[in-house]
PDB file of all heavy atoms in Angstrom:
ATOM      1  N   ARG A   1     -62.653 210.026  -3.689  1.00  0.00           N
ATOM      2  CA  ARG A   1     -62.266 211.001  -2.731  1.00  0.00           C
ATOM      3  C   ARG A   1     -61.088 210.508  -1.915  1.00  0.00           C
ATOM      4  O   ARG A   1     -60.994 209.351  -1.542  1.00  0.00           O
ATOM      5  CB  ARG A   1     -63.352 211.386  -1.806  1.00  0.00           C
ATOM      6  CG  ARG A   1     -64.044 212.593  -2.179  1.00  0.00           C
ATOM      7  CD  ARG A   1     -65.044 213.025  -1.163  1.00  0.00           C
ATOM      8  NE  ARG A   1     -66.258 213.388  -1.955  1.00  0.00           N
ATOM      9  CZ  ARG A   1     -67.506 213.054  -1.665  1.00  0.00           C
ATOM     10  NH1 ARG A   1     -67.750 212.412  -0.588  1.00  0.00           N
ATOM     11  NH2 ARG A   1     -68.410 213.410  -2.404  1.00  0.00           N
ATOM     12  N   LYS A   2     -60.135 211.382  -1.616  1.00  0.00           N
ATOM     13  CA  LYS A   2     -59.015 211.030  -0.800  1.00  0.00           C
ATOM     14  C   LYS A   2     -59.467 210.857   0.622  1.00  0.00           C
ATOM     15  O   LYS A   2     -60.375 211.575   1.043  1.00  0.00           O
ATOM     16  CB  LYS A   2     -57.945 212.106  -0.876  1.00  0.00           C
ATOM     17  CG  LYS A   2     -57.298 212.188  -2.278  1.00  0.00           C
ATOM     18  CD  LYS A   2     -56.272 213.283  -2.248  1.00  0.00           C
ATOM     19  CE  LYS A   2     -55.682 213.377  -3.690  1.00  0.00           C
ATOM     20  NZ  LYS A   2     -54.715 214.498  -3.767  1.00  0.00           N
ATOM     21  N   LYS A   3     -58.913 209.870   1.273  1.00  0.00           N
ATOM     22  CA  LYS A   3     -59.244 209.689   2.697  1.00  0.00           C
ATOM     23  C   LYS A   3     -58.723 210.784   3.556  1.00  0.00           C
ATOM     24  O   LYS A   3     -57.697 211.333   3.311  1.00  0.00           O
ATOM     25  CB  LYS A   3     -58.599 208.376   3.144  1.00  0.00           C
ATOM     26  CG  LYS A   3     -59.017 207.166   2.360  1.00  0.00           C
ATOM     27  CD  LYS A   3     -60.429 206.734   2.693  1.00  0.00           C
ATOM     28  CE  LYS A   3     -60.791 205.472   1.997  1.00  0.00           C
ATOM     29  NZ  LYS A   3     -61.836 205.536   1.061  1.00  0.00           N
ATOM     30  N   LYS A   4     -59.555 211.185   4.485  1.00  0.00           N
ATOM     31  CA  LYS A   4     -59.209 212.310   5.434  1.00  0.00           C
ATOM     32  C   LYS A   4     -58.226 211.771   6.411  1.00  0.00           C
ATOM     33  O   LYS A   4     -58.389 210.687   6.958  1.00  0.00           O
ATOM     34  CB  LYS A   4     -60.479 212.823   6.091  1.00  0.00           C
ATOM     35  CG  LYS A   4     -60.317 214.142   6.666  1.00  0.00           C
ATOM     36  CD  LYS A   4     -61.737 214.704   7.002  1.00  0.00           C
ATOM     37  CE  LYS A   4     -61.754 214.859   8.542  1.00  0.00           C
ATOM     38  NZ  LYS A   4     -63.021 215.385   8.998  1.00  0.00           N
ATOM     39  N   ASP A   5     -57.218 212.595   6.696  1.00  0.00           N
ATOM     40  CA  ASP A   5     -56.231 212.214   7.680  1.00  0.00           C
ATOM     41  C   ASP A   5     -56.782 212.404   9.075  1.00  0.00           C
ATOM     42  O   ASP A   5     -57.161 213.487   9.445  1.00  0.00           O
ATOM     43  CB  ASP A   5     -55.003 213.085   7.497  1.00  0.00           C
ATOM     44  CG  ASP A   5     -53.851 212.713   8.420  1.00  0.00           C
ATOM     45  OD1 ASP A   5     -53.960 211.632   9.055  1.00  0.00           O
ATOM     46  OD2 ASP A   5     -52.846 213.445   8.543  1.00  0.00           O
ATOM     47  N   PRO A   6     -56.917 211.354   9.868  1.00  0.00           N
ATOM     48  CA  PRO A   6     -57.519 211.502  11.184  1.00  0.00           C
ATOM     49  C   PRO A   6     -56.704 212.423  12.097  1.00  0.00           C
ATOM     50  O   PRO A   6     -57.237 213.001  12.992  1.00  0.00           O
ATOM     51  CB  PRO A   6     -57.538 210.047  11.766  1.00  0.00           C
ATOM     52  CG  PRO A   6     -57.105 209.121  10.673  1.00  0.00           C
ATOM     53  CD  PRO A   6     -56.553 209.945   9.546  1.00  0.00           C
ATOM     54  N   ALA A   7     -55.440 212.581  11.821  1.00  0.00           N
ATOM     55  CA  ALA A   7     -54.659 213.493  12.600  1.00  0.00           C
ATOM     56  C   ALA A   7     -55.059 214.935  12.437  1.00  0.00           C
ATOM     57  O   ALA A   7     -54.839 215.787  13.293  1.00  0.00           O
ATOM     58  CB  ALA A   7     -53.170 213.330  12.228  1.00  0.00           C
ATOM     59  N   GLN A   8     -55.700 215.225  11.302  1.00  0.00           N
ATOM     60  CA  GLN A   8     -56.167 216.568  11.088  1.00  0.00           C
ATOM     61  C   GLN A   8     -57.571 216.807  11.547  1.00  0.00           C
ATOM     62  O   GLN A   8     -58.182 217.843  11.277  1.00  0.00           O
ATOM     63  CB  GLN A   8     -56.136 216.881   9.568  1.00  0.00           C
ATOM     64  CG  GLN A   8     -54.739 216.890   8.952  1.00  0.00           C
ATOM     65  CD  GLN A   8     -54.813 217.134   7.445  1.00  0.00           C
ATOM     66  OE1 GLN A   8     -55.885 216.936   6.827  1.00  0.00           O
ATOM     67  NE2 GLN A   8     -53.681 217.413   6.875  1.00  0.00           N
ATOM     68  N   ASP A   9     -58.080 215.854  12.332  1.00  0.00           N
ATOM     69  CA  ASP A   9     -59.458 215.944  12.835  1.00  0.00           C
ATOM     70  C   ASP A   9     -59.595 217.088  13.811  1.00  0.00           C
ATOM     71  O   ASP A   9     -58.644 217.746  14.211  1.00  0.00           O
ATOM     72  CB  ASP A   9     -59.913 214.630  13.422  1.00  0.00           C
ATOM     73  CG  ASP A   9     -61.253 214.184  12.920  1.00  0.00           C
ATOM     74  OD1 ASP A   9     -61.888 214.986  12.205  1.00  0.00           O
ATOM     75  OD2 ASP A   9     -61.628 213.031  13.230  1.00  0.00           O
ATOM     76  N   ILE A  10     -60.780 217.363  14.195  1.00  0.00           N
ATOM     77  CA  ILE A  10     -61.159 218.588  14.937  1.00  0.00           C
ATOM     78  C   ILE A  10     -60.385 218.900  16.246  1.00  0.00           C
ATOM     79  O   ILE A  10     -59.945 220.002  16.394  1.00  0.00           O
ATOM     80  CB  ILE A  10     -62.737 218.544  15.199  1.00  0.00           C
ATOM     81  CG1 ILE A  10     -63.418 218.715  13.866  1.00  0.00           C
ATOM     82  CG2 ILE A  10     -63.126 219.619  16.158  1.00  0.00           C
ATOM     83  CD1 ILE A  10     -64.861 218.538  13.900  1.00  0.00           C
ATOM     84  N   PRO A  11     -60.232 217.976  17.205  1.00  0.00           N
ATOM     85  CA  PRO A  11     -59.576 218.345  18.451  1.00  0.00           C
ATOM     86  C   PRO A  11     -58.239 219.051  18.196  1.00  0.00           C
ATOM     87  O   PRO A  11     -57.389 218.581  17.503  1.00  0.00           O
ATOM     88  CB  PRO A  11     -59.402 217.092  19.223  1.00  0.00           C
ATOM     89  CG  PRO A  11     -60.543 216.224  18.671  1.00  0.00           C
ATOM     90  CD  PRO A  11     -60.641 216.554  17.226  1.00  0.00           C
ATOM     91  N   GLY A  12     -58.045 220.204  18.819  1.00  0.00           N
ATOM     92  CA  GLY A  12     -56.751 220.986  18.747  1.00  0.00           C
ATOM     93  C   GLY A  12     -56.637 221.818  17.459  1.00  0.00           C
ATOM     94  O   GLY A  12     -55.605 222.372  17.251  1.00  0.00           O
ATOM     95  N   SER A  13     -57.677 221.921  16.675  1.00  0.00           N
ATOM     96  CA  SER A  13     -57.491 222.708  15.421  1.00  0.00           C
ATOM     97  C   SER A  13     -57.506 224.173  15.796  1.00  0.00           C
ATOM     98  O   SER A  13     -58.011 224.586  16.810  1.00  0.00           O
ATOM     99  CB  SER A  13     -58.671 222.403  14.435  1.00  0.00           C
ATOM    100  OG  SER A  13     -59.911 222.710  15.022  1.00  0.00           O
ATOM    101  N   SER A  14     -56.914 224.944  14.895  1.00  0.00           N
ATOM    102  CA  SER A  14     -56.645 226.371  15.228  1.00  0.00           C
ATOM    103  C   SER A  14     -57.782 227.286  14.808  1.00  0.00           C
ATOM    104  O   SER A  14     -57.741 228.498  15.081  1.00  0.00           O
ATOM    105  CB  SER A  14     -55.374 226.767  14.551  1.00  0.00           C
ATOM    106  OG  SER A  14     -55.489 226.674  13.180  1.00  0.00           O
ATOM    107  N   ASP A  15     -58.775 226.822  14.083  1.00  0.00           N
ATOM    108  CA  ASP A  15     -59.830 227.709  13.574  1.00  0.00           C
ATOM    109  C   ASP A  15     -61.044 227.818  14.463  1.00  0.00           C
ATOM    110  O   ASP A  15     -62.061 228.289  14.021  1.00  0.00           O
ATOM    111  CB  ASP A  15     -60.204 227.253  12.150  1.00  0.00           C
ATOM    112  CG  ASP A  15     -60.801 225.901  12.131  1.00  0.00           C
ATOM    113  OD1 ASP A  15     -60.822 225.227  13.173  1.00  0.00           O
ATOM    114  OD2 ASP A  15     -61.272 225.485  11.064  1.00  0.00           O
ATOM    115  N   GLY A  16     -60.928 227.412  15.735  1.00  0.00           N
ATOM    116  CA  GLY A  16     -62.052 227.571  16.637  1.00  0.00           C
ATOM    117  C   GLY A  16     -62.980 226.443  16.586  1.00  0.00           C
ATOM    118  O   GLY A  16     -63.893 226.383  17.446  1.00  0.00           O
ATOM    119  N   THR A  17     -62.755 225.418  15.815  1.00  0.00           N
ATOM    120  CA  THR A  17     -63.681 224.280  15.788  1.00  0.00           C
ATOM    121  C   THR A  17     -63.487 223.385  17.016  1.00  0.00           C
ATOM    122  O   THR A  17     -64.346 222.665  17.343  1.00  0.00           O
ATOM    123  CB  THR A  17     -63.520 223.486  14.493  1.00  0.00           C
ATOM    124  OG1 THR A  17     -62.133 223.154  14.340  1.00  0.00           O
ATOM    125  CG2 THR A  17     -63.998 224.247  13.303  1.00  0.00           C
ATOM    126  N   ALA A  18     -62.303 223.474  17.619  1.00  0.00           N
ATOM    127  CA  ALA A  18     -61.999 222.645  18.822  1.00  0.00           C
ATOM    128  C   ALA A  18     -62.981 222.981  19.922  1.00  0.00           C
ATOM    129  O   ALA A  18     -63.589 222.099  20.579  1.00  0.00           O
ATOM    130  CB  ALA A  18     -60.596 222.795  19.265  1.00  0.00           C
ATOM    131  N   ALA A  19     -63.211 224.286  20.120  1.00  0.00           N
ATOM    132  CA  ALA A  19     -64.149 224.750  21.222  1.00  0.00           C
ATOM    133  C   ALA A  19     -65.538 224.298  20.858  1.00  0.00           C
ATOM    134  O   ALA A  19     -66.293 223.820  21.735  1.00  0.00           O
ATOM    135  CB  ALA A  19     -64.034 226.287  21.354  1.00  0.00           C
ATOM    136  N   LEU A  20     -65.903 224.457  19.564  1.00  0.00           N
ATOM    137  CA  LEU A  20     -67.231 224.097  19.163  1.00  0.00           C
ATOM    138  C   LEU A  20     -67.435 222.576  19.313  1.00  0.00           C
ATOM    139  O   LEU A  20     -68.514 222.081  19.725  1.00  0.00           O
ATOM    140  CB  LEU A  20     -67.411 224.440  17.691  1.00  0.00           C
ATOM    141  CG  LEU A  20     -68.789 224.187  17.050  1.00  0.00           C
ATOM    142  CD1 LEU A  20     -69.861 224.941  17.799  1.00  0.00           C
ATOM    143  CD2 LEU A  20     -68.781 224.568  15.570  1.00  0.00           C
ATOM    144  N   TYR A  21     -66.399 221.811  18.966  1.00  0.00           N
ATOM    145  CA  TYR A  21     -66.401 220.391  19.141  1.00  0.00           C
ATOM    146  C   TYR A  21     -66.620 220.003  20.603  1.00  0.00           C
ATOM    147  O   TYR A  21     -67.428 219.130  20.914  1.00  0.00           O
ATOM    148  CB  TYR A  21     -65.098 219.769  18.626  1.00  0.00           C
ATOM    149  CG  TYR A  21     -64.949 218.289  18.674  1.00  0.00           C
ATOM    150  CD1 TYR A  21     -65.622 217.496  17.789  1.00  0.00           C
ATOM    151  CD2 TYR A  21     -64.160 217.717  19.659  1.00  0.00           C
ATOM    152  CE1 TYR A  21     -65.519 216.110  17.867  1.00  0.00           C
ATOM    153  CE2 TYR A  21     -64.014 216.352  19.731  1.00  0.00           C
ATOM    154  CZ  TYR A  21     -64.698 215.546  18.829  1.00  0.00           C
ATOM    155  OH  TYR A  21     -64.577 214.176  18.922  1.00  0.00           O
ATOM    156  N   ALA A  22     -65.923 220.636  21.513  1.00  0.00           N
ATOM    157  CA  ALA A  22     -66.022 220.348  22.934  1.00  0.00           C
ATOM    158  C   ALA A  22     -67.408 220.715  23.430  1.00  0.00           C
ATOM    159  O   ALA A  22     -68.026 219.935  24.230  1.00  0.00           O
ATOM    160  CB  ALA A  22     -64.983 221.132  23.732  1.00  0.00           C
ATOM    161  N   GLN A  23     -67.946 221.844  22.975  1.00  0.00           N
ATOM    162  CA  GLN A  23     -69.313 222.226  23.383  1.00  0.00           C
ATOM    163  C   GLN A  23     -70.330 221.201  22.878  1.00  0.00           C
ATOM    164  O   GLN A  23     -71.236 220.795  23.601  1.00  0.00           O
ATOM    165  CB  GLN A  23     -69.679 223.610  22.839  1.00  0.00           C
ATOM    166  CG  GLN A  23     -68.967 224.700  23.467  1.00  0.00           C
ATOM    167  CD  GLN A  23     -69.298 226.095  22.744  1.00  0.00           C
ATOM    168  OE1 GLN A  23     -69.802 226.045  21.665  1.00  0.00           O
ATOM    169  NE2 GLN A  23     -68.866 227.160  23.385  1.00  0.00           N
ATOM    170  N   SER A  24     -70.110 220.773  21.683  1.00  0.00           N
ATOM    171  CA  SER A  24     -71.050 219.736  21.070  1.00  0.00           C
ATOM    172  C   SER A  24     -71.008 218.450  21.922  1.00  0.00           C
ATOM    173  O   SER A  24     -72.074 217.879  22.136  1.00  0.00           O
ATOM    174  CB  SER A  24     -70.669 219.471  19.596  1.00  0.00           C
ATOM    175  OG  SER A  24     -70.798 220.726  18.885  1.00  0.00           O
ATOM    176  N   LEU A  25     -69.777 218.061  22.298  1.00  0.00           N
ATOM    177  CA  LEU A  25     -69.702 216.820  23.086  1.00  0.00           C
ATOM    178  C   LEU A  25     -70.379 216.971  24.397  1.00  0.00           C
ATOM    179  O   LEU A  25     -71.121 216.078  24.823  1.00  0.00           O
ATOM    180  CB  LEU A  25     -68.241 216.464  23.294  1.00  0.00           C
ATOM    181  CG  LEU A  25     -67.446 215.780  22.152  1.00  0.00           C
ATOM    182  CD1 LEU A  25     -66.055 215.538  22.524  1.00  0.00           C
ATOM    183  CD2 LEU A  25     -68.137 214.497  21.731  1.00  0.00           C
TER     184      LEU A  25
END
């Protein structure tokens, strides 16, 4: 598997996962 680019990780993503991530934290 290709390594995931950490820059593409959740914070600041445009699909609403950033809010979910913040809530989870």
